[in-house]
Amino acid sequence: MSRTRILTLIAITATFVSLICLLASCDALMPSVDVSPPPLTSKPAAVAEVPSVTEIQPPEPSPAQRYYYDPTNKPDPFLPFRVEQQIISEAEIITRYEVRFFRLVGVMSSVRDPKAVFEDPRGNAYVLTLGDIIGKNGGIITAIMSDEVHITETRVTILGETRTNEIVMQLHPEEELSI
């Protein structure tokens, strides 16, 4: 054992012995107390008469003390708790990805107002017409043909130059690769 541990044990033992001596001296100084119950008398003490329950009436509250529940501007505690959902418009979703991540899955070019159906990386489909915006860079649909869609992206470079990028999306690009 280490020296500090031995000294700590000696100090604890000395404190314990002092406490025992103190308790013994207190017991010697205290007069003895009889803890036996007092002797019974022949007559019990008189019991006061208790009024019956029907005789006790609560005091009538004053009009100022009466409480009325006012539900104005308070939520109904019995309605289920609803979390407000953030509503995201289709325009925000379709400008979340770059144009290269979309896939052209359908074209309706024989109608008066041609439409193109695009699918985003999550599999959601969007029906777009001429002039609609698609992609992060604000690509505008400029032409819808029977088998392709032309999208024009306009970007401003760091030097302040305006660059136009023409993107052509094919309806079935995998068919051309297999031929």
N, C-alpha and C. Protein backbone atom coordinates (compact mmCIF):
# COMPACT_ATOMS: atom_id res chain seq x y z
N MET A 1 0.84 -1.17 0.00
CA MET A 1 0.00 0.00 0.00
C MET A 1 0.88 1.24 0.00
N SER A 2 0.34 2.27 -0.60
CA SER A 2 1.11 3.51 -0.64
C SER A 2 0.97 4.26 0.68
N ARG A 3 1.88 5.15 0.90
CA ARG A 3 1.92 5.92 2.14
C ARG A 3 0.67 6.79 2.29
N THR A 4 0.22 7.45 1.19
CA THR A 4 -0.95 8.32 1.27
C THR A 4 -2.21 7.53 1.59
N ARG A 5 -2.29 6.32 1.07
CA ARG A 5 -3.46 5.49 1.34
C ARG A 5 -3.51 5.08 2.82
N ILE A 6 -2.36 4.76 3.38
CA ILE A 6 -2.28 4.36 4.79
C ILE A 6 -2.68 5.54 5.68
N LEU A 7 -2.17 6.74 5.35
CA LEU A 7 -2.50 7.93 6.13
C LEU A 7 -4.00 8.25 6.05
N THR A 8 -4.60 8.04 4.90
CA THR A 8 -6.03 8.28 4.74
C THR A 8 -6.84 7.31 5.60
N LEU A 9 -6.46 6.05 5.63
CA LEU A 9 -7.16 5.05 6.45
C LEU A 9 -7.04 5.38 7.95
N ILE A 10 -5.87 5.85 8.38
CA ILE A 10 -5.67 6.20 9.78
C ILE A 10 -6.57 7.39 10.15
N ALA A 11 -6.66 8.38 9.26
CA ALA A 11 -7.48 9.56 9.53
C ALA A 11 -8.96 9.18 9.63
N ILE A 12 -9.41 8.28 8.76
CA ILE A 12 -10.81 7.84 8.78
C ILE A 12 -11.10 7.07 10.07
N THR A 13 -10.18 6.21 10.48
CA THR A 13 -10.35 5.42 11.70
C THR A 13 -10.41 6.33 12.93
N ALA A 14 -9.56 7.34 12.97
CA ALA A 14 -9.55 8.26 14.11
C ALA A 14 -10.85 9.05 14.18
N THR A 15 -11.37 9.46 13.05
CA THR A 15 -12.64 10.19 13.02
C THR A 15 -13.77 9.30 13.50
N PHE A 16 -13.77 8.06 13.12
CA PHE A 16 -14.81 7.12 13.52
C PHE A 16 -14.77 6.88 15.03
N VAL A 17 -13.59 6.70 15.58
CA VAL A 17 -13.45 6.47 17.02
C VAL A 17 -13.93 7.71 17.79
N SER A 18 -13.61 8.91 17.32
CA SER A 18 -14.04 10.15 17.98
C SER A 18 -15.56 10.24 17.98
N LEU A 19 -16.19 9.86 16.90
CA LEU A 19 -17.63 9.91 16.80
C LEU A 19 -18.29 8.95 17.78
N ILE A 20 -17.73 7.77 17.94
CA ILE A 20 -18.28 6.78 18.88
C ILE A 20 -18.17 7.30 20.30
N CYS A 21 -17.04 7.90 20.64
CA CYS A 21 -16.86 8.45 21.99
C CYS A 21 -17.85 9.57 22.27
N LEU A 22 -18.08 10.42 21.27
CA LEU A 22 -19.02 11.52 21.43
C LEU A 22 -20.43 11.01 21.67
N LEU A 23 -20.85 10.01 20.93
CA LEU A 23 -22.17 9.43 21.12
C LEU A 23 -22.32 8.78 22.49
N ALA A 24 -21.29 8.13 22.99
CA ALA A 24 -21.34 7.48 24.30
C ALA A 24 -21.45 8.52 25.41
N SER A 25 -20.76 9.64 25.26
CA SER A 25 -20.84 10.67 26.30
C SER A 25 -22.19 11.35 26.29
N CYS A 26 -22.81 11.52 25.12
CA CYS A 26 -24.14 12.12 25.05
C CYS A 26 -25.16 11.22 25.71
N ASP A 27 -25.03 9.94 25.56
CA ASP A 27 -25.97 8.98 26.14
C ASP A 27 -25.85 9.01 27.66
N ALA A 28 -24.63 9.19 28.17
CA ALA A 28 -24.41 9.23 29.62
C ALA A 28 -24.99 10.50 30.21
N LEU A 29 -24.97 11.61 29.50
CA LEU A 29 -25.47 12.88 30.00
C LEU A 29 -26.99 12.96 29.96
N MET A 30 -27.63 12.24 29.09
CA MET A 30 -29.08 12.29 28.93
C MET A 30 -29.76 11.54 30.07
N PRO A 31 -30.79 12.14 30.68
CA PRO A 31 -31.52 11.39 31.70
C PRO A 31 -32.34 10.29 31.02
N SER A 32 -32.62 9.26 31.76
CA SER A 32 -33.38 8.17 31.16
C SER A 32 -34.83 8.61 30.98
N VAL A 33 -35.41 8.24 29.92
CA VAL A 33 -36.77 8.62 29.57
C VAL A 33 -37.62 7.37 29.53
N ASP A 34 -38.77 7.41 30.20
CA ASP A 34 -39.67 6.27 30.20
C ASP A 34 -40.53 6.36 28.94
N VAL A 35 -40.48 5.35 28.12
CA VAL A 35 -41.22 5.34 26.88
C VAL A 35 -42.47 4.48 26.95
N SER A 36 -42.88 4.04 28.17
CA SER A 36 -44.08 3.22 28.29
C SER A 36 -45.31 4.11 28.13
N PRO A 37 -46.44 3.57 27.64
CA PRO A 37 -47.64 4.36 27.42
C PRO A 37 -48.24 4.82 28.75
N PRO A 38 -48.92 5.95 28.76
CA PRO A 38 -49.53 6.43 30.01
C PRO A 38 -50.67 5.50 30.44
N PRO A 39 -50.97 5.46 31.72
CA PRO A 39 -52.04 4.57 32.19
C PRO A 39 -53.39 5.05 31.68
N LEU A 40 -54.28 4.10 31.45
CA LEU A 40 -55.60 4.41 30.95
C LEU A 40 -56.48 4.94 32.07
N THR A 41 -57.26 5.96 31.74
CA THR A 41 -58.21 6.48 32.72
C THR A 41 -59.53 5.75 32.55
N SER A 42 -60.36 5.86 33.55
CA SER A 42 -61.62 5.14 33.49
C SER A 42 -62.58 5.72 32.48
N LYS A 43 -62.57 7.07 32.22
CA LYS A 43 -63.50 7.69 31.29
C LYS A 43 -62.72 8.26 30.11
N PRO A 44 -63.17 7.99 28.92
CA PRO A 44 -62.52 8.64 27.78
C PRO A 44 -62.94 10.10 27.71
N ALA A 45 -62.11 10.89 27.08
CA ALA A 45 -62.39 12.32 26.94
C ALA A 45 -63.63 12.50 26.08
N ALA A 46 -64.36 13.58 26.31
CA ALA A 46 -65.59 13.85 25.56
C ALA A 46 -65.26 14.14 24.11
N VAL A 47 -66.04 13.57 23.21
CA VAL A 47 -65.83 13.76 21.78
C VAL A 47 -66.77 14.86 21.32
N ALA A 48 -66.23 15.81 20.62
CA ALA A 48 -67.05 16.91 20.12
C ALA A 48 -67.98 16.39 19.05
N GLU A 49 -69.14 16.97 18.95
CA GLU A 49 -70.13 16.54 17.99
C GLU A 49 -69.72 17.05 16.60
N VAL A 50 -69.67 16.13 15.63
CA VAL A 50 -69.26 16.45 14.26
C VAL A 50 -70.51 16.68 13.43
N PRO A 51 -70.59 17.80 12.71
CA PRO A 51 -71.79 18.02 11.89
C PRO A 51 -71.83 17.02 10.74
N SER A 52 -73.03 16.68 10.30
CA SER A 52 -73.19 15.72 9.21
C SER A 52 -72.80 16.36 7.89
N VAL A 53 -72.64 15.53 6.90
CA VAL A 53 -72.20 15.99 5.60
C VAL A 53 -73.25 16.89 4.95
N THR A 54 -74.51 16.61 5.23
CA THR A 54 -75.57 17.42 4.62
C THR A 54 -75.63 18.82 5.21
N GLU A 55 -75.12 18.99 6.41
CA GLU A 55 -75.14 20.31 7.03
C GLU A 55 -74.05 21.23 6.49
N ILE A 56 -72.96 20.66 5.96
CA ILE A 56 -71.84 21.46 5.47
C ILE A 56 -72.14 21.90 4.04
N GLN A 57 -72.18 23.18 3.82
CA GLN A 57 -72.42 23.74 2.48
C GLN A 57 -71.23 24.62 2.11
N PRO A 58 -70.68 24.41 0.90
CA PRO A 58 -69.57 25.29 0.50
C PRO A 58 -70.09 26.70 0.29
N PRO A 59 -69.25 27.69 0.55
CA PRO A 59 -69.71 29.07 0.36
C PRO A 59 -69.92 29.35 -1.12
N GLU A 60 -70.91 30.13 -1.43
CA GLU A 60 -71.23 30.49 -2.81
C GLU A 60 -70.16 31.46 -3.32
N PRO A 61 -69.50 31.13 -4.47
CA PRO A 61 -68.46 32.03 -4.97
C PRO A 61 -69.08 33.32 -5.49
N SER A 62 -68.33 34.39 -5.31
CA SER A 62 -68.81 35.68 -5.80
C SER A 62 -68.67 35.70 -7.33
N PRO A 63 -69.39 36.59 -8.03
CA PRO A 63 -69.28 36.65 -9.49
C PRO A 63 -67.87 36.90 -9.98
N ALA A 64 -67.06 37.60 -9.20
CA ALA A 64 -65.68 37.87 -9.61
C ALA A 64 -64.83 36.61 -9.53
N GLN A 65 -65.21 35.65 -8.68
CA GLN A 65 -64.43 34.43 -8.50
C GLN A 65 -64.80 33.34 -9.49
N ARG A 66 -65.92 33.44 -10.16
CA ARG A 66 -66.33 32.41 -11.11
C ARG A 66 -65.44 32.45 -12.34
N TYR A 67 -65.09 31.26 -12.88
CA TYR A 67 -64.21 31.17 -14.05
C TYR A 67 -65.01 30.67 -15.24
N TYR A 68 -64.89 31.37 -16.34
CA TYR A 68 -65.50 30.95 -17.60
C TYR A 68 -64.40 30.76 -18.62
N TYR A 69 -64.44 29.61 -19.31
CA TYR A 69 -63.45 29.32 -20.33
C TYR A 69 -63.77 30.10 -21.60
N ASP A 70 -62.79 30.84 -22.10
CA ASP A 70 -62.95 31.61 -23.33
C ASP A 70 -62.04 30.98 -24.38
N PRO A 71 -62.59 30.27 -25.36
CA PRO A 71 -61.76 29.58 -26.35
C PRO A 71 -61.19 30.49 -27.45
N THR A 72 -61.40 31.79 -27.36
CA THR A 72 -60.91 32.70 -28.39
C THR A 72 -59.39 32.65 -28.46
N ASN A 73 -58.87 32.49 -29.67
CA ASN A 73 -57.42 32.44 -29.96
C ASN A 73 -56.70 31.30 -29.24
N LYS A 74 -57.41 30.24 -28.91
CA LYS A 74 -56.80 29.07 -28.29
C LYS A 74 -57.03 27.87 -29.19
N PRO A 75 -56.04 27.00 -29.33
CA PRO A 75 -56.24 25.82 -30.17
C PRO A 75 -57.19 24.83 -29.52
N ASP A 76 -57.88 24.08 -30.35
CA ASP A 76 -58.79 23.06 -29.84
C ASP A 76 -57.94 21.88 -29.36
N PRO A 77 -57.98 21.53 -28.09
CA PRO A 77 -57.11 20.45 -27.58
C PRO A 77 -57.52 19.07 -28.07
N PHE A 78 -58.70 18.95 -28.69
CA PHE A 78 -59.16 17.64 -29.14
C PHE A 78 -58.88 17.38 -30.61
N LEU A 79 -58.36 18.37 -31.33
CA LEU A 79 -57.99 18.17 -32.73
C LEU A 79 -56.62 17.52 -32.80
N PRO A 80 -56.38 16.66 -33.79
CA PRO A 80 -55.04 16.04 -33.91
C PRO A 80 -53.99 17.09 -34.26
N PHE A 81 -52.78 16.85 -33.78
CA PHE A 81 -51.67 17.75 -34.03
C PHE A 81 -51.21 17.59 -35.47
N ARG A 82 -51.10 18.70 -36.20
CA ARG A 82 -50.67 18.66 -37.59
C ARG A 82 -49.42 19.50 -37.76
N VAL A 83 -48.45 18.95 -38.45
CA VAL A 83 -47.24 19.68 -38.77
C VAL A 83 -47.46 20.33 -40.13
N GLU A 84 -47.16 21.63 -40.20
CA GLU A 84 -47.32 22.33 -41.47
C GLU A 84 -46.29 21.80 -42.46
N GLN A 85 -46.75 21.34 -43.59
CA GLN A 85 -45.85 20.85 -44.61
C GLN A 85 -45.44 21.99 -45.53
N GLN A 86 -44.18 21.96 -45.89
CA GLN A 86 -43.69 22.98 -46.79
C GLN A 86 -44.16 22.62 -48.20
N ILE A 87 -44.84 23.55 -48.83
CA ILE A 87 -45.35 23.30 -50.17
C ILE A 87 -44.30 23.77 -51.17
N ILE A 88 -43.86 22.84 -52.01
CA ILE A 88 -42.86 23.16 -53.02
C ILE A 88 -43.55 23.14 -54.38
N SER A 89 -43.41 24.21 -55.10
CA SER A 89 -44.07 24.28 -56.40
C SER A 89 -43.32 23.43 -57.42
N GLU A 90 -44.00 23.12 -58.50
CA GLU A 90 -43.40 22.32 -59.57
C GLU A 90 -42.23 23.07 -60.20
N ALA A 91 -42.32 24.39 -60.24
CA ALA A 91 -41.23 25.19 -60.82
C ALA A 91 -39.96 25.07 -59.98
N GLU A 92 -40.10 24.98 -58.66
CA GLU A 92 -38.93 24.82 -57.81
C GLU A 92 -38.31 23.44 -57.99
N ILE A 93 -39.14 22.43 -58.16
CA ILE A 93 -38.63 21.07 -58.32
C ILE A 93 -37.92 20.91 -59.66
N ILE A 94 -38.50 21.46 -60.71
CA ILE A 94 -37.94 21.26 -62.05
C ILE A 94 -36.66 22.07 -62.25
N THR A 95 -36.41 23.06 -61.40
CA THR A 95 -35.15 23.82 -61.48
C THR A 95 -34.16 23.35 -60.43
N ARG A 96 -34.43 22.22 -59.81
CA ARG A 96 -33.53 21.68 -58.79
C ARG A 96 -32.34 20.94 -59.43
N TYR A 97 -32.53 20.34 -60.60
CA TYR A 97 -31.49 19.55 -61.26
C TYR A 97 -31.03 20.25 -62.54
N GLU A 98 -29.86 19.86 -63.00
CA GLU A 98 -29.38 20.36 -64.29
C GLU A 98 -30.13 19.63 -65.40
N VAL A 99 -30.16 20.25 -66.59
CA VAL A 99 -30.91 19.68 -67.71
C VAL A 99 -30.39 18.29 -68.08
N ARG A 100 -29.10 18.07 -67.97
CA ARG A 100 -28.54 16.77 -68.38
C ARG A 100 -29.05 15.60 -67.54
N PHE A 101 -29.61 15.88 -66.35
CA PHE A 101 -30.13 14.82 -65.51
C PHE A 101 -31.58 14.46 -65.84
N PHE A 102 -32.25 15.27 -66.65
CA PHE A 102 -33.62 14.97 -67.06
C PHE A 102 -33.60 14.03 -68.25
N ARG A 103 -34.71 13.33 -68.42
CA ARG A 103 -34.84 12.42 -69.56
C ARG A 103 -36.13 12.76 -70.28
N LEU A 104 -36.06 12.89 -71.58
CA LEU A 104 -37.25 13.15 -72.39
C LEU A 104 -37.95 11.82 -72.60
N VAL A 105 -39.19 11.70 -72.11
CA VAL A 105 -39.89 10.41 -72.19
C VAL A 105 -41.12 10.46 -73.09
N GLY A 106 -41.53 11.66 -73.50
CA GLY A 106 -42.69 11.72 -74.37
C GLY A 106 -42.82 13.09 -75.03
N VAL A 107 -43.42 13.09 -76.28
CA VAL A 107 -43.62 14.33 -77.02
C VAL A 107 -45.00 14.29 -77.64
N MET A 108 -45.73 15.41 -77.53
CA MET A 108 -47.01 15.57 -78.23
C MET A 108 -46.83 16.77 -79.16
N SER A 109 -46.42 16.48 -80.38
CA SER A 109 -46.11 17.57 -81.31
C SER A 109 -47.23 17.82 -82.32
N SER A 110 -48.18 16.90 -82.44
CA SER A 110 -49.22 17.06 -83.45
C SER A 110 -50.38 17.93 -82.97
N VAL A 111 -50.36 18.39 -81.74
CA VAL A 111 -51.41 19.26 -81.22
C VAL A 111 -51.05 20.72 -81.47
N ARG A 112 -52.04 21.61 -81.29
CA ARG A 112 -51.80 23.02 -81.56
C ARG A 112 -50.71 23.60 -80.63
N ASP A 113 -50.74 23.22 -79.37
CA ASP A 113 -49.73 23.66 -78.41
C ASP A 113 -48.88 22.44 -78.03
N PRO A 114 -47.71 22.24 -78.68
CA PRO A 114 -46.92 21.02 -78.44
C PRO A 114 -46.43 20.94 -76.99
N LYS A 115 -46.34 19.70 -76.51
CA LYS A 115 -45.91 19.46 -75.12
C LYS A 115 -44.83 18.39 -75.12
N ALA A 116 -43.97 18.48 -74.09
CA ALA A 116 -42.92 17.48 -73.90
C ALA A 116 -43.00 16.98 -72.46
N VAL A 117 -42.79 15.69 -72.28
CA VAL A 117 -42.84 15.07 -70.96
C VAL A 117 -41.41 14.72 -70.56
N PHE A 118 -40.96 15.31 -69.44
CA PHE A 118 -39.63 15.05 -68.91
C PHE A 118 -39.74 14.29 -67.61
N GLU A 119 -38.70 13.48 -67.33
CA GLU A 119 -38.65 12.72 -66.08
C GLU A 119 -37.39 13.14 -65.33
N ASP A 120 -37.54 13.49 -64.04
CA ASP A 120 -36.37 13.89 -63.24
C ASP A 120 -35.67 12.64 -62.69
N PRO A 121 -34.51 12.78 -62.04
CA PRO A 121 -33.78 11.61 -61.53
C PRO A 121 -34.57 10.78 -60.52
N ARG A 122 -35.57 11.35 -59.86
CA ARG A 122 -36.38 10.60 -58.90
C ARG A 122 -37.54 9.86 -59.55
N GLY A 123 -37.75 10.07 -60.86
CA GLY A 123 -38.82 9.38 -61.57
C GLY A 123 -40.11 10.17 -61.67
N ASN A 124 -40.12 11.44 -61.23
CA ASN A 124 -41.31 12.28 -61.34
C ASN A 124 -41.40 12.83 -62.76
N ALA A 125 -42.60 12.87 -63.31
CA ALA A 125 -42.80 13.34 -64.69
C ALA A 125 -43.38 14.75 -64.68
N TYR A 126 -42.96 15.56 -65.67
CA TYR A 126 -43.42 16.94 -65.82
C TYR A 126 -43.79 17.19 -67.27
N VAL A 127 -44.95 17.78 -67.49
CA VAL A 127 -45.40 18.13 -68.84
C VAL A 127 -45.09 19.61 -69.04
N LEU A 128 -44.25 19.90 -70.04
CA LEU A 128 -43.81 21.27 -70.29
C LEU A 128 -44.16 21.68 -71.72
N THR A 129 -44.32 22.98 -71.91
CA THR A 129 -44.64 23.52 -73.23
C THR A 129 -43.55 24.51 -73.64
N LEU A 130 -43.72 25.10 -74.82
CA LEU A 130 -42.75 26.09 -75.31
C LEU A 130 -42.67 27.27 -74.34
N GLY A 131 -41.46 27.70 -74.03
CA GLY A 131 -41.25 28.83 -73.15
C GLY A 131 -41.12 28.47 -71.68
N ASP A 132 -41.38 27.21 -71.31
CA ASP A 132 -41.22 26.80 -69.91
C ASP A 132 -39.74 26.68 -69.56
N ILE A 133 -39.45 26.85 -68.27
CA ILE A 133 -38.07 26.79 -67.78
C ILE A 133 -37.80 25.41 -67.20
N ILE A 134 -36.61 24.88 -67.50
CA ILE A 134 -36.18 23.58 -66.99
C ILE A 134 -34.71 23.66 -66.62
N GLY A 135 -34.34 23.06 -65.51
CA GLY A 135 -32.93 22.98 -65.11
C GLY A 135 -32.47 24.11 -64.22
N LYS A 136 -31.31 23.86 -63.55
CA LYS A 136 -30.73 24.83 -62.62
C LYS A 136 -30.31 26.12 -63.31
N ASN A 137 -29.89 26.03 -64.56
CA ASN A 137 -29.34 27.19 -65.24
C ASN A 137 -30.40 27.96 -66.01
N GLY A 138 -31.66 27.71 -65.75
CA GLY A 138 -32.74 28.47 -66.38
C GLY A 138 -32.90 28.19 -67.86
N GLY A 139 -32.80 26.94 -68.26
CA GLY A 139 -32.98 26.58 -69.66
C GLY A 139 -34.42 26.80 -70.10
N ILE A 140 -34.59 27.37 -71.30
CA ILE A 140 -35.93 27.65 -71.84
C ILE A 140 -36.18 26.71 -73.00
N ILE A 141 -37.36 26.09 -73.02
CA ILE A 141 -37.71 25.20 -74.13
C ILE A 141 -38.05 26.07 -75.32
N THR A 142 -37.23 25.94 -76.39
CA THR A 142 -37.41 26.79 -77.57
C THR A 142 -38.09 26.07 -78.73
N ALA A 143 -37.99 24.75 -78.78
CA ALA A 143 -38.64 24.01 -79.87
C ALA A 143 -38.99 22.61 -79.40
N ILE A 144 -40.18 22.15 -79.82
CA ILE A 144 -40.61 20.78 -79.53
C ILE A 144 -40.94 20.13 -80.86
N MET A 145 -40.15 19.13 -81.24
CA MET A 145 -40.35 18.40 -82.50
C MET A 145 -40.87 17.01 -82.19
N SER A 146 -41.08 16.20 -83.21
CA SER A 146 -41.68 14.88 -83.01
C SER A 146 -40.76 13.93 -82.25
N ASP A 147 -39.44 14.10 -82.33
CA ASP A 147 -38.54 13.18 -81.66
C ASP A 147 -37.46 13.88 -80.84
N GLU A 148 -37.52 15.22 -80.72
CA GLU A 148 -36.52 15.92 -79.93
C GLU A 148 -37.06 17.26 -79.41
N VAL A 149 -36.37 17.77 -78.39
CA VAL A 149 -36.72 19.06 -77.79
C VAL A 149 -35.45 19.89 -77.71
N HIS A 150 -35.56 21.18 -78.09
CA HIS A 150 -34.43 22.10 -78.04
C HIS A 150 -34.58 22.99 -76.81
N ILE A 151 -33.51 23.06 -76.03
CA ILE A 151 -33.48 23.88 -74.82
C ILE A 151 -32.31 24.84 -74.93
N THR A 152 -32.56 26.12 -74.63
CA THR A 152 -31.51 27.13 -74.70
C THR A 152 -31.22 27.63 -73.29
N GLU A 153 -29.95 27.47 -72.89
CA GLU A 153 -29.49 27.99 -71.60
C GLU A 153 -28.61 29.21 -71.84
N THR A 154 -28.86 30.28 -71.11
CA THR A 154 -28.04 31.48 -71.22
C THR A 154 -27.33 31.67 -69.90
N ARG A 155 -25.98 31.76 -69.97
CA ARG A 155 -25.17 31.92 -68.77
C ARG A 155 -24.32 33.18 -68.88
N VAL A 156 -24.02 33.75 -67.75
CA VAL A 156 -23.10 34.88 -67.69
C VAL A 156 -21.82 34.38 -67.03
N THR A 157 -20.67 34.57 -67.72
CA THR A 157 -19.39 34.09 -67.20
C THR A 157 -18.87 35.05 -66.13
N ILE A 158 -17.75 34.69 -65.52
CA ILE A 158 -17.13 35.52 -64.51
C ILE A 158 -16.71 36.87 -65.09
N LEU A 159 -16.31 36.86 -66.35
CA LEU A 159 -15.88 38.09 -67.02
C LEU A 159 -17.06 38.96 -67.46
N GLY A 160 -18.28 38.50 -67.27
CA GLY A 160 -19.46 39.27 -67.64
C GLY A 160 -19.95 39.00 -69.05
N GLU A 161 -19.37 38.02 -69.73
CA GLU A 161 -19.80 37.66 -71.08
C GLU A 161 -21.04 36.77 -71.02
N THR A 162 -21.93 36.94 -71.96
CA THR A 162 -23.13 36.11 -72.04
C THR A 162 -22.88 34.99 -73.02
N ARG A 163 -23.10 33.76 -72.54
CA ARG A 163 -22.90 32.58 -73.39
C ARG A 163 -24.22 31.84 -73.50
N THR A 164 -24.56 31.44 -74.72
CA THR A 164 -25.79 30.70 -74.98
C THR A 164 -25.41 29.26 -75.32
N ASN A 165 -26.08 28.33 -74.67
CA ASN A 165 -25.82 26.91 -74.88
C ASN A 165 -27.10 26.26 -75.38
N GLU A 166 -27.05 25.66 -76.55
CA GLU A 166 -28.20 24.98 -77.14
C GLU A 166 -28.10 23.49 -76.82
N ILE A 167 -29.11 22.96 -76.15
CA ILE A 167 -29.14 21.55 -75.77
C ILE A 167 -30.27 20.89 -76.54
N VAL A 168 -29.97 19.77 -77.19
CA VAL A 168 -30.97 19.00 -77.94
C VAL A 168 -31.14 17.67 -77.20
N MET A 169 -32.37 17.43 -76.74
CA MET A 169 -32.66 16.17 -76.04
C MET A 169 -33.46 15.28 -76.97
N GLN A 170 -32.96 14.08 -77.21
CA GLN A 170 -33.61 13.11 -78.08
C GLN A 170 -34.65 12.31 -77.29
N LEU A 171 -35.74 11.91 -78.01
CA LEU A 171 -36.80 11.14 -77.36
C LEU A 171 -36.32 9.75 -76.97
N HIS A 172 -35.64 9.06 -77.89
CA HIS A 172 -35.14 7.71 -77.61
C HIS A 172 -33.66 7.66 -77.97
N PRO A 173 -32.77 8.20 -77.16
CA PRO A 173 -31.35 8.23 -77.53
C PRO A 173 -30.72 6.85 -77.54
N GLU A 174 -31.24 5.88 -76.78
CA GLU A 174 -30.63 4.56 -76.76
C GLU A 174 -30.87 3.77 -78.05
N GLU A 175 -31.91 4.09 -78.83
CA GLU A 175 -32.15 3.44 -80.11
C GLU A 175 -31.09 3.79 -81.14
N GLU A 176 -30.62 5.05 -81.10
CA GLU A 176 -29.60 5.47 -82.06
C GLU A 176 -28.27 4.77 -81.80
N LEU A 177 -27.98 4.48 -80.53
CA LEU A 177 -26.73 3.83 -80.18
C LEU A 177 -26.73 2.37 -80.63
N SER A 178 -27.88 1.72 -80.65
CA SER A 178 -27.92 0.29 -80.99
C SER A 178 -27.95 0.05 -82.50
N ILE A 179 -28.17 1.08 -83.31
CA ILE A 179 -28.26 0.89 -84.77
C ILE A 179 -26.92 0.73 -85.38
